[in-house]
Amino acid sequence: MPVRQRGRLTTLGVRVLTLLAVAACSRAGGDGAVIGLVTKTETNPFFVKMKDGAQQAAVSQAVTLLVGAGRSDSDNAGQVAAIENQVAAGARVILISPSDAKAIVPTITKLRNDGILVIALDSPTDPVDATDGFFGTDNYRAGELIGAYARARLGNTPPKIV
């Protein structure tokens, strides 16, 4: 799958998830819904697109979106701090791309016990059912599709690495 298409799908997916989160907030008491989005970093282009899509959806639905991230791809403590800040600010839904699939689970368990909806994005938790839902790609299948596409495009022409 081309990178540009993946970015569009990510943006669309986050918009859809944000709309679902808004609907969940509405059922739970509605007005002034606050949603938290926690990504792995603020600089990775993939997560920048994710944040942009979520912000667009939040504006269109007139909800408050709180955005946080770790300082690096492995900053679980930074993600936990971002979640705690978002919950303290009133978030009732957390969308997260976990940096550490296992280390974040105790925090997510506490959130869910407190009635907060948690959806994992891009990377699942371990165990997967630690969250209320997961939205991501099947990277193995994506690799198969990319390989088939490359083979079809190249035909009998030997590949060249430039």
Protein backbone atom coordinates (compact mmCIF):
# COMPACT_ATOMS: atom_id res chain seq x y z
CA MET A 1 0.00 0.00 0.00
CA PRO A 2 1.57 3.35 -1.00
CA VAL A 3 2.53 5.64 1.88
CA ARG A 4 0.20 8.40 0.65
CA GLN A 5 -2.75 5.98 0.63
CA ARG A 6 -1.85 4.74 4.12
CA GLY A 7 -1.84 8.34 5.37
CA ARG A 8 -5.28 8.93 3.89
CA LEU A 9 -6.61 5.73 5.42
CA THR A 10 -5.12 6.67 8.78
CA THR A 11 -6.73 10.11 8.65
CA LEU A 12 -10.06 8.59 7.64
CA GLY A 13 -9.81 5.92 10.33
CA VAL A 14 -9.08 8.41 13.08
CA ARG A 15 -11.98 10.58 11.91
CA VAL A 16 -14.31 7.60 12.07
CA LEU A 17 -13.02 6.61 15.51
CA THR A 18 -13.41 10.16 16.75
CA LEU A 19 -17.00 10.19 15.51
CA LEU A 20 -17.65 6.88 17.28
CA ALA A 21 -16.08 8.25 20.44
CA VAL A 22 -18.33 11.31 20.20
CA ALA A 23 -21.33 9.03 19.87
CA ALA A 24 -20.20 7.09 22.95
CA CYS A 25 -19.81 10.33 24.89
CA SER A 26 -23.24 11.46 23.77
CA ARG A 27 -24.85 8.28 25.07
CA ALA A 28 -23.01 8.73 28.35
CA GLY A 29 -24.15 12.24 28.97
CA GLY A 30 -23.32 14.21 25.95
CA ASP A 31 -22.60 17.89 25.90
CA GLY A 32 -19.01 19.04 25.98
CA ALA A 33 -17.47 15.68 25.11
CA VAL A 34 -13.73 15.50 25.78
CA ILE A 35 -11.61 12.94 23.93
CA GLY A 36 -7.93 12.21 24.49
CA LEU A 37 -5.57 11.14 21.72
CA VAL A 38 -2.19 9.77 22.81
CA THR A 39 0.36 8.97 20.11
CA LYS A 40 3.87 7.57 20.37
CA THR A 41 5.55 10.84 19.33
CA GLU A 42 4.59 14.30 18.09
CA THR A 43 7.10 14.31 15.22
CA ASN A 44 6.57 11.06 13.30
CA PRO A 45 4.66 11.97 10.09
CA PHE A 46 2.28 9.04 10.61
CA PHE A 47 1.22 10.33 14.02
CA VAL A 48 1.10 13.92 12.78
CA LYS A 49 -1.47 12.79 10.17
CA MET A 50 -3.35 10.86 12.83
CA LYS A 51 -3.52 13.97 15.02
CA ASP A 52 -4.59 16.17 12.08
CA GLY A 53 -7.44 13.80 11.19
CA ALA A 54 -8.62 13.63 14.78
CA GLN A 55 -8.52 17.43 15.10
CA GLN A 56 -10.59 17.84 11.94
CA ALA A 57 -13.17 15.36 13.19
CA ALA A 58 -13.28 17.00 16.62
CA VAL A 59 -13.90 20.43 15.09
CA SER A 60 -16.65 19.06 12.85
CA GLN A 61 -18.35 17.45 15.86
CA ALA A 62 -17.76 20.37 18.24
CA VAL A 63 -15.92 18.29 20.82
CA THR A 64 -12.74 18.97 22.73
CA LEU A 65 -9.74 16.93 21.63
CA LEU A 66 -6.77 16.74 23.96
CA VAL A 67 -3.58 15.53 22.30
CA GLY A 68 -0.53 14.08 24.03
CA ALA A 69 2.44 11.91 23.18
CA GLY A 70 5.52 10.31 24.54
CA ARG A 71 8.90 11.86 23.82
CA SER A 72 10.03 8.79 21.88
CA ASP A 73 8.58 5.60 20.46
CA SER A 74 9.34 3.82 23.73
CA ASP A 75 8.22 6.47 26.25
CA ASN A 76 5.51 4.62 28.17
CA ALA A 77 5.83 6.94 31.19
CA GLY A 78 5.22 9.94 28.94
CA GLN A 79 2.08 8.31 27.57
CA VAL A 80 0.82 7.52 31.07
CA ALA A 81 1.39 11.16 32.09
CA ALA A 82 -0.48 12.36 28.98
CA ILE A 83 -3.41 10.06 29.78
CA GLU A 84 -3.52 11.23 33.40
CA ASN A 85 -3.55 14.87 32.28
CA GLN A 86 -6.32 14.19 29.76
CA VAL A 87 -8.49 12.36 32.29
CA ALA A 88 -7.93 15.16 34.82
CA ALA A 89 -9.15 17.57 32.11
CA GLY A 90 -12.35 15.55 31.65
CA ALA A 91 -11.60 13.03 28.89
CA ARG A 92 -14.06 10.12 28.91
CA VAL A 93 -12.58 8.48 25.81
CA ILE A 94 -8.90 7.76 25.18
CA LEU A 95 -7.55 6.85 21.74
CA ILE A 96 -3.99 5.55 22.12
CA SER A 97 -1.19 4.18 20.00
CA PRO A 98 0.68 2.37 22.78
CA SER A 99 4.47 2.64 22.95
CA ASP A 100 4.75 -0.46 25.11
CA ALA A 101 1.98 -2.99 24.51
CA LYS A 102 2.32 -4.59 27.96
CA ALA A 103 3.46 -1.74 30.21
CA ILE A 104 0.44 0.44 29.36
CA VAL A 105 -2.10 -2.26 30.32
CA PRO A 106 -2.37 -1.41 34.06
CA THR A 107 -3.15 2.22 33.19
CA ILE A 108 -5.73 1.14 30.61
CA THR A 109 -7.30 -1.31 33.08
CA LYS A 110 -7.73 1.50 35.60
CA LEU A 111 -9.29 3.75 32.95
CA ARG A 112 -11.76 1.08 31.91
CA ASN A 113 -12.63 0.33 35.55
CA ASP A 114 -13.41 4.04 35.88
CA GLY A 115 -15.78 3.85 32.89
CA ILE A 116 -13.48 5.46 30.34
CA LEU A 117 -13.62 4.05 26.80
CA VAL A 118 -10.15 3.10 25.48
CA ILE A 119 -9.41 2.32 21.84
CA ALA A 120 -5.93 1.30 20.65
CA LEU A 121 -4.77 2.73 17.33
CA ASP A 122 -2.15 1.26 14.98
CA SER A 123 -0.50 -0.92 17.66
CA PRO A 124 -2.53 -3.33 19.80
CA THR A 125 -2.02 -3.85 23.50
CA ASP A 126 -0.86 -7.18 24.91
CA PRO A 127 -3.32 -8.70 25.56
CA VAL A 128 -5.40 -7.24 22.73
CA ASP A 129 -8.58 -7.31 24.83
CA ALA A 130 -7.11 -4.88 27.38
CA THR A 131 -8.81 -2.11 25.37
CA ASP A 132 -12.42 -1.67 24.29
CA GLY A 133 -11.35 -1.86 20.66
CA PHE A 134 -8.44 -1.83 18.23
CA PHE A 135 -8.08 -0.07 14.88
CA GLY A 136 -5.00 -0.92 12.86
CA THR A 137 -3.59 -2.57 9.80
CA ASP A 138 -2.61 -6.17 9.28
CA ASN A 139 1.03 -5.43 8.47
CA TYR A 140 1.75 -9.00 7.38
CA ARG A 141 -1.08 -8.88 4.84
CA ALA A 142 -0.02 -5.38 3.75
CA GLY A 143 3.48 -6.76 3.06
CA GLU A 144 2.02 -9.56 0.95
CA LEU A 145 -0.02 -7.05 -1.07
CA ILE A 146 2.99 -4.76 -1.59
CA GLY A 147 5.06 -7.75 -2.74
CA ALA A 148 2.37 -8.83 -5.20
CA TYR A 149 2.08 -5.26 -6.50
CA ALA A 150 5.86 -4.99 -6.99
CA ARG A 151 6.00 -8.36 -8.75
CA ALA A 152 3.17 -7.34 -11.10
CA ARG A 153 4.79 -3.96 -11.85
CA LEU A 154 8.26 -5.41 -12.45
CA GLY A 155 7.17 -8.39 -14.51
CA ASN A 156 10.38 -10.05 -15.73
CA THR A 157 12.52 -6.94 -15.17
CA PRO A 158 15.11 -7.50 -12.46
CA PRO A 159 14.70 -5.07 -9.55
CA LYS A 160 17.30 -2.33 -9.04
CA ILE A 161 18.11 -0.76 -5.73
CA VAL A 162 19.02 2.87 -6.23
